[in-house]
Amino acid sequence: MKRLKSVKKIIFISLILSAIAVLLVLFLIIPLLNQIKGYSKEIISKSQELSLYNQDRLQIREFNSMKPMLSDQMDKVNAVFANADAPIDLIKFWENSAGICGLSIVISPGKVESNQYGWKTMDFRIELKNGKSFSQLLRFLDRIENGIYLVQVQNFLSSSAENSASAVLNITVFSK
């Protein structure tokens, strides 16, 4: 009988200890494991952010080392855009080109606006006179299309008679 009581006591204590172990697992160990899992994900995320930061840092260093070369290139790119506020150099270029081609020129400025692509543009109407041949007009057209400024000829109307050629051009110039 005493032996039966001690077996019951052992079973009772074992059940209580098992219940305590299950409660510890449910309320202490599982939440701790979930927190560890969350912290692990956060560490991985921060590690990836750090890796991206290091890549960005390297790209910034590379860009900074290339900045002088890029600056020269940007100066060349900016040179193809006419000054919208005072296109004096552009007009001088056209006048010189007309003189080289043996033509007289009348330049009429038009509107300045931004086009559908966000480029700022200026419209001009150019009248070329006193040409002796159509080839002089084409030479002028070639000079301005292949010149230093970014232009787009919208319209080219020419007329020629015996030993006389003239033209009217509508030109869009891309500007700064």
N, C-alpha and C. Protein backbone atom coordinates (compact mmCIF):
# COMPACT_ATOMS: atom_id res chain seq x y z
N MET A 1 0.80 -1.16 0.00
CA MET A 1 0.00 0.00 0.00
C MET A 1 0.87 1.26 0.00
N LYS A 2 1.87 1.21 0.82
CA LYS A 2 2.78 2.32 0.86
C LYS A 2 3.46 2.47 -0.50
N ARG A 3 3.69 1.34 -1.05
CA ARG A 3 4.34 1.35 -2.34
C ARG A 3 3.40 1.96 -3.40
N LEU A 4 2.13 1.67 -3.30
CA LEU A 4 1.14 2.19 -4.23
C LEU A 4 1.01 3.71 -4.07
N LYS A 5 1.07 4.19 -2.85
CA LYS A 5 1.01 5.63 -2.62
C LYS A 5 2.24 6.33 -3.19
N SER A 6 3.38 5.73 -3.04
CA SER A 6 4.58 6.36 -3.56
C SER A 6 4.58 6.31 -5.10
N VAL A 7 4.02 5.27 -5.73
CA VAL A 7 3.91 5.21 -7.18
C VAL A 7 2.94 6.29 -7.65
N LYS A 8 1.83 6.47 -6.92
CA LYS A 8 0.86 7.51 -7.26
C LYS A 8 1.49 8.89 -7.12
N LYS A 9 2.27 9.07 -6.10
CA LYS A 9 2.96 10.34 -5.88
C LYS A 9 3.92 10.63 -7.02
N ILE A 10 4.65 9.61 -7.42
CA ILE A 10 5.62 9.76 -8.51
C ILE A 10 4.88 10.10 -9.80
N ILE A 11 3.77 9.42 -10.05
CA ILE A 11 2.98 9.69 -11.25
C ILE A 11 2.41 11.10 -11.18
N PHE A 12 1.92 11.50 -10.04
CA PHE A 12 1.35 12.84 -9.86
C PHE A 12 2.42 13.91 -10.06
N ILE A 13 3.58 13.71 -9.49
CA ILE A 13 4.69 14.66 -9.63
C ILE A 13 5.16 14.69 -11.09
N SER A 14 5.19 13.53 -11.72
CA SER A 14 5.59 13.46 -13.12
C SER A 14 4.60 14.22 -14.00
N LEU A 15 3.31 14.06 -13.72
CA LEU A 15 2.29 14.78 -14.48
C LEU A 15 2.41 16.29 -14.28
N ILE A 16 2.64 16.71 -13.07
CA ILE A 16 2.80 18.15 -12.78
C ILE A 16 4.04 18.68 -13.48
N LEU A 17 5.14 17.96 -13.39
CA LEU A 17 6.38 18.40 -14.05
C LEU A 17 6.20 18.41 -15.57
N SER A 18 5.49 17.42 -16.10
CA SER A 18 5.22 17.39 -17.55
C SER A 18 4.36 18.58 -17.95
N ALA A 19 3.35 18.89 -17.15
CA ALA A 19 2.49 20.03 -17.43
C ALA A 19 3.29 21.33 -17.37
N ILE A 20 4.19 21.46 -16.40
CA ILE A 20 5.04 22.65 -16.28
C ILE A 20 5.96 22.74 -17.50
N ALA A 21 6.51 21.60 -17.94
CA ALA A 21 7.39 21.58 -19.11
C ALA A 21 6.62 22.00 -20.36
N VAL A 22 5.39 21.49 -20.52
CA VAL A 22 4.57 21.87 -21.67
C VAL A 22 4.25 23.35 -21.61
N LEU A 23 3.90 23.86 -20.45
CA LEU A 23 3.61 25.29 -20.29
C LEU A 23 4.84 26.14 -20.59
N LEU A 24 6.00 25.69 -20.12
CA LEU A 24 7.24 26.42 -20.43
C LEU A 24 7.49 26.46 -21.94
N VAL A 25 7.27 25.32 -22.59
CA VAL A 25 7.48 25.26 -24.03
C VAL A 25 6.49 26.20 -24.73
N LEU A 26 5.21 26.16 -24.32
CA LEU A 26 4.18 26.97 -24.97
C LEU A 26 4.35 28.46 -24.72
N PHE A 27 4.64 28.83 -23.51
CA PHE A 27 4.65 30.25 -23.16
C PHE A 27 6.03 30.89 -23.08
N LEU A 28 7.08 30.12 -23.13
CA LEU A 28 8.40 30.72 -23.02
C LEU A 28 9.28 30.39 -24.22
N ILE A 29 9.43 29.13 -24.51
CA ILE A 29 10.38 28.74 -25.55
C ILE A 29 9.86 29.09 -26.95
N ILE A 30 8.59 28.80 -27.26
CA ILE A 30 8.04 29.11 -28.60
C ILE A 30 8.06 30.61 -28.87
N PRO A 31 7.63 31.48 -27.94
CA PRO A 31 7.75 32.93 -28.21
C PRO A 31 9.20 33.37 -28.40
N LEU A 32 10.10 32.79 -27.63
CA LEU A 32 11.52 33.13 -27.80
C LEU A 32 12.02 32.72 -29.18
N LEU A 33 11.63 31.55 -29.64
CA LEU A 33 12.04 31.09 -30.96
C LEU A 33 11.44 31.99 -32.05
N ASN A 34 10.18 32.41 -31.86
CA ASN A 34 9.56 33.33 -32.82
C ASN A 34 10.29 34.68 -32.86
N GLN A 35 10.68 35.17 -31.68
CA GLN A 35 11.45 36.42 -31.64
C GLN A 35 12.80 36.25 -32.33
N ILE A 36 13.45 35.13 -32.10
CA ILE A 36 14.74 34.87 -32.74
C ILE A 36 14.56 34.82 -34.25
N LYS A 37 13.48 34.19 -34.71
CA LYS A 37 13.18 34.12 -36.14
C LYS A 37 12.97 35.53 -36.70
N GLY A 38 12.21 36.37 -35.99
CA GLY A 38 11.98 37.75 -36.41
C GLY A 38 13.27 38.55 -36.47
N TYR A 39 14.10 38.39 -35.44
CA TYR A 39 15.38 39.10 -35.41
C TYR A 39 16.29 38.62 -36.54
N SER A 40 16.24 37.35 -36.84
CA SER A 40 17.05 36.81 -37.94
C SER A 40 16.62 37.43 -39.26
N LYS A 41 15.31 37.55 -39.49
CA LYS A 41 14.83 38.18 -40.72
C LYS A 41 15.26 39.64 -40.77
N GLU A 42 15.20 40.31 -39.64
CA GLU A 42 15.60 41.72 -39.59
C GLU A 42 17.09 41.86 -39.87
N ILE A 43 17.90 40.95 -39.34
CA ILE A 43 19.34 40.99 -39.59
C ILE A 43 19.63 40.76 -41.07
N ILE A 44 18.92 39.81 -41.67
CA ILE A 44 19.10 39.56 -43.11
C ILE A 44 18.71 40.79 -43.91
N SER A 45 17.59 41.41 -43.56
CA SER A 45 17.13 42.62 -44.25
C SER A 45 18.16 43.74 -44.12
N LYS A 46 18.66 43.96 -42.91
CA LYS A 46 19.65 45.02 -42.69
C LYS A 46 20.94 44.70 -43.43
N SER A 47 21.30 43.42 -43.49
CA SER A 47 22.49 43.02 -44.22
C SER A 47 22.34 43.33 -45.71
N GLN A 48 21.16 43.06 -46.26
CA GLN A 48 20.90 43.38 -47.67
C GLN A 48 20.93 44.89 -47.89
N GLU A 49 20.34 45.65 -46.97
CA GLU A 49 20.38 47.11 -47.08
C GLU A 49 21.82 47.61 -47.05
N LEU A 50 22.62 47.03 -46.17
CA LEU A 50 24.03 47.43 -46.07
C LEU A 50 24.76 47.10 -47.37
N SER A 51 24.46 45.95 -47.95
CA SER A 51 25.08 45.58 -49.21
C SER A 51 24.70 46.57 -50.31
N LEU A 52 23.42 46.95 -50.37
CA LEU A 52 22.97 47.94 -51.36
C LEU A 52 23.62 49.30 -51.11
N TYR A 53 23.75 49.66 -49.84
CA TYR A 53 24.41 50.92 -49.48
C TYR A 53 25.86 50.90 -49.96
N ASN A 54 26.53 49.78 -49.76
CA ASN A 54 27.93 49.68 -50.20
C ASN A 54 28.03 49.75 -51.73
N GLN A 55 27.10 49.14 -52.43
CA GLN A 55 27.09 49.24 -53.89
C GLN A 55 26.87 50.68 -54.32
N ASP A 56 25.92 51.36 -53.67
CA ASP A 56 25.66 52.77 -53.99
C ASP A 56 26.90 53.62 -53.72
N ARG A 57 27.56 53.34 -52.62
CA ARG A 57 28.76 54.08 -52.25
C ARG A 57 29.84 53.90 -53.31
N LEU A 58 30.00 52.66 -53.79
CA LEU A 58 31.00 52.40 -54.83
C LEU A 58 30.62 53.10 -56.14
N GLN A 59 29.33 53.12 -56.46
CA GLN A 59 28.89 53.81 -57.68
C GLN A 59 29.11 55.31 -57.56
N ILE A 60 28.90 55.85 -56.38
CA ILE A 60 29.14 57.29 -56.17
C ILE A 60 30.63 57.60 -56.32
N ARG A 61 31.49 56.74 -55.77
CA ARG A 61 32.93 56.95 -55.93
C ARG A 61 33.32 56.89 -57.41
N GLU A 62 32.77 55.91 -58.12
CA GLU A 62 33.06 55.78 -59.54
C GLU A 62 32.58 57.00 -60.30
N PHE A 63 31.37 57.47 -59.98
CA PHE A 63 30.84 58.66 -60.63
C PHE A 63 31.72 59.87 -60.33
N ASN A 64 32.13 60.03 -59.08
CA ASN A 64 32.97 61.17 -58.71
C ASN A 64 34.31 61.13 -59.43
N SER A 65 34.84 59.92 -59.65
CA SER A 65 36.11 59.83 -60.37
C SER A 65 35.92 60.16 -61.85
N MET A 66 34.71 59.93 -62.37
CA MET A 66 34.43 60.21 -63.79
C MET A 66 33.87 61.62 -64.00
N LYS A 67 33.61 62.34 -62.93
CA LYS A 67 32.96 63.65 -63.03
C LYS A 67 33.69 64.64 -63.94
N PRO A 68 35.03 64.75 -63.87
CA PRO A 68 35.69 65.69 -64.79
C PRO A 68 35.47 65.35 -66.26
N MET A 69 35.55 64.05 -66.58
CA MET A 69 35.32 63.64 -67.96
C MET A 69 33.87 63.89 -68.36
N LEU A 70 32.95 63.58 -67.46
CA LEU A 70 31.54 63.79 -67.75
C LEU A 70 31.23 65.28 -67.88
N SER A 71 31.90 66.09 -67.10
CA SER A 71 31.69 67.53 -67.17
C SER A 71 32.09 68.05 -68.55
N ASP A 72 33.22 67.57 -69.07
CA ASP A 72 33.63 67.97 -70.42
C ASP A 72 32.61 67.53 -71.45
N GLN A 73 32.11 66.31 -71.29
CA GLN A 73 31.11 65.79 -72.23
C GLN A 73 29.82 66.60 -72.13
N MET A 74 29.42 66.96 -70.92
CA MET A 74 28.20 67.75 -70.74
C MET A 74 28.36 69.14 -71.35
N ASP A 75 29.55 69.70 -71.27
CA ASP A 75 29.80 70.99 -71.92
C ASP A 75 29.61 70.88 -73.42
N LYS A 76 30.09 69.77 -73.99
CA LYS A 76 29.92 69.55 -75.43
C LYS A 76 28.45 69.37 -75.78
N VAL A 77 27.73 68.64 -74.95
CA VAL A 77 26.29 68.43 -75.19
C VAL A 77 25.54 69.75 -75.07
N ASN A 78 25.85 70.52 -74.06
CA ASN A 78 25.16 71.80 -73.86
C ASN A 78 25.45 72.78 -75.00
N ALA A 79 26.59 72.60 -75.67
CA ALA A 79 26.95 73.52 -76.75
C ALA A 79 26.02 73.38 -77.95
N VAL A 80 25.34 72.24 -78.11
CA VAL A 80 24.44 72.07 -79.26
C VAL A 80 23.10 72.76 -79.04
N PHE A 81 22.83 73.21 -77.84
CA PHE A 81 21.57 73.89 -77.54
C PHE A 81 21.79 75.39 -77.58
N ALA A 82 20.93 76.07 -78.29
CA ALA A 82 21.03 77.53 -78.40
C ALA A 82 20.51 78.17 -77.11
N ASN A 83 20.98 79.37 -76.85
CA ASN A 83 20.53 80.14 -75.70
C ASN A 83 19.17 80.75 -76.04
N ALA A 84 18.13 80.34 -75.32
CA ALA A 84 16.76 80.81 -75.63
C ALA A 84 16.58 82.29 -75.29
N ASP A 85 17.30 82.78 -74.31
CA ASP A 85 17.14 84.18 -73.90
C ASP A 85 17.78 85.15 -74.89
N ALA A 86 18.92 84.76 -75.42
CA ALA A 86 19.63 85.63 -76.38
C ALA A 86 20.37 84.73 -77.37
N PRO A 87 19.71 84.32 -78.45
CA PRO A 87 20.35 83.40 -79.41
C PRO A 87 21.30 84.11 -80.38
N ILE A 88 22.14 84.96 -79.84
CA ILE A 88 23.04 85.78 -80.66
C ILE A 88 24.03 84.90 -81.42
N ASP A 89 24.64 83.92 -80.74
CA ASP A 89 25.62 83.05 -81.40
C ASP A 89 24.97 82.25 -82.53
N LEU A 90 23.76 81.80 -82.30
CA LEU A 90 23.03 81.04 -83.32
C LEU A 90 22.79 81.91 -84.56
N ILE A 91 22.34 83.12 -84.35
CA ILE A 91 22.06 84.03 -85.47
C ILE A 91 23.34 84.38 -86.21
N LYS A 92 24.43 84.59 -85.46
CA LYS A 92 25.72 84.86 -86.10
C LYS A 92 26.16 83.66 -86.94
N PHE A 93 25.95 82.47 -86.43
CA PHE A 93 26.30 81.27 -87.18
C PHE A 93 25.52 81.21 -88.49
N TRP A 94 24.22 81.49 -88.43
CA TRP A 94 23.40 81.46 -89.64
C TRP A 94 23.84 82.55 -90.63
N GLU A 95 24.12 83.75 -90.10
CA GLU A 95 24.55 84.84 -90.98
C GLU A 95 25.89 84.51 -91.65
N ASN A 96 26.83 83.95 -90.88
CA ASN A 96 28.13 83.56 -91.45
C ASN A 96 27.95 82.46 -92.50
N SER A 97 27.09 81.49 -92.20
CA SER A 97 26.84 80.40 -93.15
C SER A 97 26.23 80.94 -94.43
N ALA A 98 25.31 81.88 -94.31
CA ALA A 98 24.70 82.48 -95.51
C ALA A 98 25.75 83.23 -96.30
N GLY A 99 26.62 83.97 -95.61
CA GLY A 99 27.68 84.71 -96.30
C GLY A 99 28.63 83.77 -97.02
N ILE A 100 29.00 82.67 -96.40
CA ILE A 100 29.89 81.70 -97.04
C ILE A 100 29.24 81.10 -98.27
N CYS A 101 27.92 80.92 -98.22
CA CYS A 101 27.20 80.32 -99.35
C CYS A 101 26.80 81.36 -100.39
N GLY A 102 27.11 82.62 -100.15
CA GLY A 102 26.81 83.68 -101.12
C GLY A 102 25.34 84.07 -101.12
N LEU A 103 24.71 84.02 -99.97
CA LEU A 103 23.28 84.34 -99.86
C LEU A 103 23.08 85.51 -98.90
N SER A 104 22.01 86.24 -99.09
CA SER A 104 21.61 87.23 -98.08
C SER A 104 20.51 86.57 -97.25
N ILE A 105 20.42 86.96 -96.00
CA ILE A 105 19.53 86.26 -95.07
C ILE A 105 18.71 87.26 -94.26
N VAL A 106 17.44 86.91 -94.03
CA VAL A 106 16.56 87.67 -93.14
C VAL A 106 16.00 86.66 -92.15
N ILE A 107 16.24 86.92 -90.87
CA ILE A 107 15.83 85.98 -89.83
C ILE A 107 14.71 86.60 -89.02
N SER A 108 13.60 85.86 -88.89
CA SER A 108 12.46 86.32 -88.09
C SER A 108 12.23 85.31 -86.97
N PRO A 109 12.39 85.77 -85.72
CA PRO A 109 12.16 84.83 -84.62
C PRO A 109 10.68 84.54 -84.43
N GLY A 110 10.40 83.36 -83.95
CA GLY A 110 9.02 82.96 -83.66
C GLY A 110 8.85 82.75 -82.17
N LYS A 111 8.02 81.80 -81.84
CA LYS A 111 7.71 81.56 -80.43
C LYS A 111 8.72 80.62 -79.78
N VAL A 112 8.82 80.76 -78.47
CA VAL A 112 9.63 79.86 -77.65
C VAL A 112 8.65 79.05 -76.81
N GLU A 113 8.81 77.74 -76.86
CA GLU A 113 7.88 76.89 -76.11
C GLU A 113 8.54 75.58 -75.75
N SER A 114 7.86 74.81 -74.92
CA SER A 114 8.30 73.46 -74.60
C SER A 114 7.47 72.50 -75.42
N ASN A 115 8.15 71.53 -76.05
CA ASN A 115 7.40 70.60 -76.88
C ASN A 115 6.88 69.43 -76.05
N GLN A 116 6.29 68.45 -76.72
CA GLN A 116 5.65 67.33 -76.03
C GLN A 116 6.63 66.47 -75.26
N TYR A 117 7.91 66.54 -75.58
CA TYR A 117 8.91 65.72 -74.90
C TYR A 117 9.61 66.48 -73.78
N GLY A 118 9.22 67.73 -73.57
CA GLY A 118 9.82 68.53 -72.50
C GLY A 118 11.01 69.36 -72.96
N TRP A 119 11.34 69.30 -74.25
CA TRP A 119 12.43 70.11 -74.78
C TRP A 119 11.94 71.54 -74.99
N LYS A 120 12.78 72.49 -74.67
CA LYS A 120 12.46 73.89 -74.94
C LYS A 120 12.90 74.18 -76.37
N THR A 121 11.99 74.74 -77.17
CA THR A 121 12.30 74.98 -78.58
C THR A 121 12.00 76.43 -78.95
N MET A 122 12.70 76.90 -79.99
CA MET A 122 12.47 78.22 -80.55
C MET A 122 12.20 78.04 -82.05
N ASP A 123 11.23 78.75 -82.55
CA ASP A 123 10.92 78.70 -83.98
C ASP A 123 11.47 79.94 -84.67
N PHE A 124 12.01 79.73 -85.87
CA PHE A 124 12.53 80.83 -86.68
C PHE A 124 12.04 80.68 -88.11
N ARG A 125 11.90 81.81 -88.77
CA ARG A 125 11.61 81.84 -90.20
C ARG A 125 12.80 82.52 -90.85
N ILE A 126 13.41 81.82 -91.80
CA ILE A 126 14.61 82.35 -92.47
C ILE A 126 14.30 82.52 -93.95
N GLU A 127 14.60 83.72 -94.45
CA GLU A 127 14.44 83.99 -95.88
C GLU A 127 15.84 84.12 -96.47
N LEU A 128 16.10 83.34 -97.48
CA LEU A 128 17.39 83.38 -98.19
C LEU A 128 17.16 83.97 -99.57
N LYS A 129 17.99 84.97 -99.92
CA LYS A 129 17.82 85.66 -101.21
C LYS A 129 19.16 85.80 -101.90
N ASN A 130 19.08 86.25 -103.13
CA ASN A 130 20.27 86.58 -103.93
C ASN A 130 21.14 85.38 -104.25
N GLY A 131 20.55 84.19 -104.20
CA GLY A 131 21.32 83.02 -104.60
C GLY A 131 21.37 82.93 -106.10
N LYS A 132 22.47 82.49 -106.61
CA LYS A 132 22.61 82.35 -108.05
C LYS A 132 22.16 80.97 -108.51
N SER A 133 22.17 80.01 -107.59
CA SER A 133 21.74 78.66 -107.97
C SER A 133 21.12 77.96 -106.76
N PHE A 134 20.38 76.92 -107.08
CA PHE A 134 19.73 76.12 -106.04
C PHE A 134 20.76 75.41 -105.16
N SER A 135 21.92 75.11 -105.72
CA SER A 135 22.96 74.42 -104.94
C SER A 135 23.45 75.29 -103.78
N GLN A 136 23.43 76.62 -103.94
CA GLN A 136 23.81 77.50 -102.82
C GLN A 136 22.83 77.33 -101.66
N LEU A 137 21.54 77.22 -101.97
CA LEU A 137 20.52 77.01 -100.93
C LEU A 137 20.74 75.68 -100.23
N LEU A 138 21.02 74.66 -101.01
CA LEU A 138 21.26 73.33 -100.42
C LEU A 138 22.52 73.32 -99.57
N ARG A 139 23.54 74.05 -100.00
CA ARG A 139 24.77 74.13 -99.22
C ARG A 139 24.51 74.81 -97.87
N PHE A 140 23.70 75.87 -97.89
CA PHE A 140 23.33 76.54 -96.64
C PHE A 140 22.54 75.58 -95.75
N LEU A 141 21.58 74.89 -96.33
CA LEU A 141 20.77 73.94 -95.58
C LEU A 141 21.64 72.85 -94.95
N ASP A 142 22.58 72.36 -95.71
CA ASP A 142 23.49 71.33 -95.20
C ASP A 142 24.33 71.87 -94.05
N ARG A 143 24.80 73.10 -94.18
CA ARG A 143 25.63 73.70 -93.12
C ARG A 143 24.85 73.85 -91.81
N ILE A 144 23.59 74.27 -91.89
CA ILE A 144 22.86 74.47 -90.63
C ILE A 144 22.37 73.14 -90.04
N GLU A 145 22.06 72.18 -90.90
CA GLU A 145 21.63 70.88 -90.37
C GLU A 145 22.79 70.11 -89.75
N ASN A 146 23.98 70.27 -90.29
CA ASN A 146 25.15 69.56 -89.77
C ASN A 146 26.05 70.47 -88.94
N GLY A 147 25.54 71.63 -88.59
CA GLY A 147 26.33 72.59 -87.82
C GLY A 147 26.37 72.24 -86.34
N ILE A 148 26.75 73.21 -85.56
CA ILE A 148 26.97 72.98 -84.13
C ILE A 148 25.69 73.01 -83.30
N TYR A 149 24.59 73.48 -83.88
CA TYR A 149 23.34 73.60 -83.12
C TYR A 149 22.37 72.49 -83.52
N LEU A 150 21.55 72.10 -82.57
CA LEU A 150 20.55 71.07 -82.80
C LEU A 150 19.30 71.74 -83.38
N VAL A 151 19.09 71.55 -84.68
CA VAL A 151 17.97 72.19 -85.37
C VAL A 151 17.16 71.14 -86.11
N GLN A 152 15.93 71.51 -86.39
CA GLN A 152 15.05 70.66 -87.19
C GLN A 152 14.36 71.56 -88.20
N VAL A 153 14.57 71.28 -89.47
CA VAL A 153 13.94 72.06 -90.53
C VAL A 153 12.51 71.57 -90.67
N GLN A 154 11.56 72.46 -90.43
CA GLN A 154 10.15 72.10 -90.50
C GLN A 154 9.60 72.24 -91.92
N ASN A 155 10.10 73.24 -92.63
CA ASN A 155 9.56 73.54 -93.94
C ASN A 155 10.65 74.20 -94.78
N PHE A 156 10.74 73.83 -96.04
CA PHE A 156 11.72 74.41 -96.96
C PHE A 156 11.02 74.69 -98.27
N LEU A 157 10.79 75.96 -98.53
CA LEU A 157 10.13 76.38 -99.77
C LEU A 157 11.15 77.15 -100.59
N SER A 158 11.35 76.73 -101.83
CA SER A 158 12.33 77.43 -102.65
C SER A 158 11.70 77.82 -103.98
N SER A 159 12.30 78.82 -104.54
CA SER A 159 11.89 79.24 -105.87
C SER A 159 13.15 79.63 -106.62
N SER A 160 13.14 79.34 -107.88
CA SER A 160 14.32 79.71 -108.66
C SER A 160 13.86 80.18 -110.03
N ALA A 161 14.61 81.12 -110.51
CA ALA A 161 14.40 81.64 -111.86
C ALA A 161 15.77 81.64 -112.52
N GLU A 162 15.85 82.20 -113.66
CA GLU A 162 17.12 82.24 -114.37
C GLU A 162 18.16 83.00 -113.55
N ASN A 163 19.25 82.34 -113.13
CA ASN A 163 20.34 82.91 -112.34
C ASN A 163 19.88 83.52 -111.02
N SER A 164 18.83 82.98 -110.45
CA SER A 164 18.32 83.51 -109.18
C SER A 164 17.64 82.38 -108.41
N ALA A 165 17.94 82.30 -107.12
CA ALA A 165 17.31 81.28 -106.27
C ALA A 165 17.04 81.90 -104.90
N SER A 166 15.90 81.58 -104.36
CA SER A 166 15.57 82.05 -103.02
C SER A 166 14.81 80.95 -102.30
N ALA A 167 14.76 81.07 -100.97
CA ALA A 167 14.08 80.03 -100.18
C ALA A 167 13.56 80.63 -98.89
N VAL A 168 12.57 79.96 -98.34
CA VAL A 168 12.04 80.29 -97.02
C VAL A 168 12.08 79.00 -96.21
N LEU A 169 12.69 79.08 -95.05
CA LEU A 169 12.80 77.92 -94.17
C LEU A 169 12.10 78.21 -92.85
N ASN A 170 11.38 77.26 -92.36
CA ASN A 170 10.86 77.32 -90.99
C ASN A 170 11.66 76.31 -90.19
N ILE A 171 12.33 76.81 -89.17
CA ILE A 171 13.27 75.98 -88.42
C ILE A 171 12.91 75.99 -86.95
N THR A 172 12.99 74.82 -86.33
CA THR A 172 12.84 74.69 -84.88
C THR A 172 14.24 74.43 -84.32
N VAL A 173 14.60 75.21 -83.32
CA VAL A 173 15.91 75.10 -82.69
C VAL A 173 15.69 74.65 -81.24
N PHE A 174 16.43 73.63 -80.84
CA PHE A 174 16.34 73.17 -79.46
C PHE A 174 17.26 74.03 -78.59
N SER A 175 16.75 74.45 -77.46
CA SER A 175 17.49 75.42 -76.66
C SER A 175 17.57 75.02 -75.20
N LYS A 176 18.40 75.77 -74.49
CA LYS A 176 18.59 75.53 -73.05
C LYS A 176 17.50 76.24 -72.29
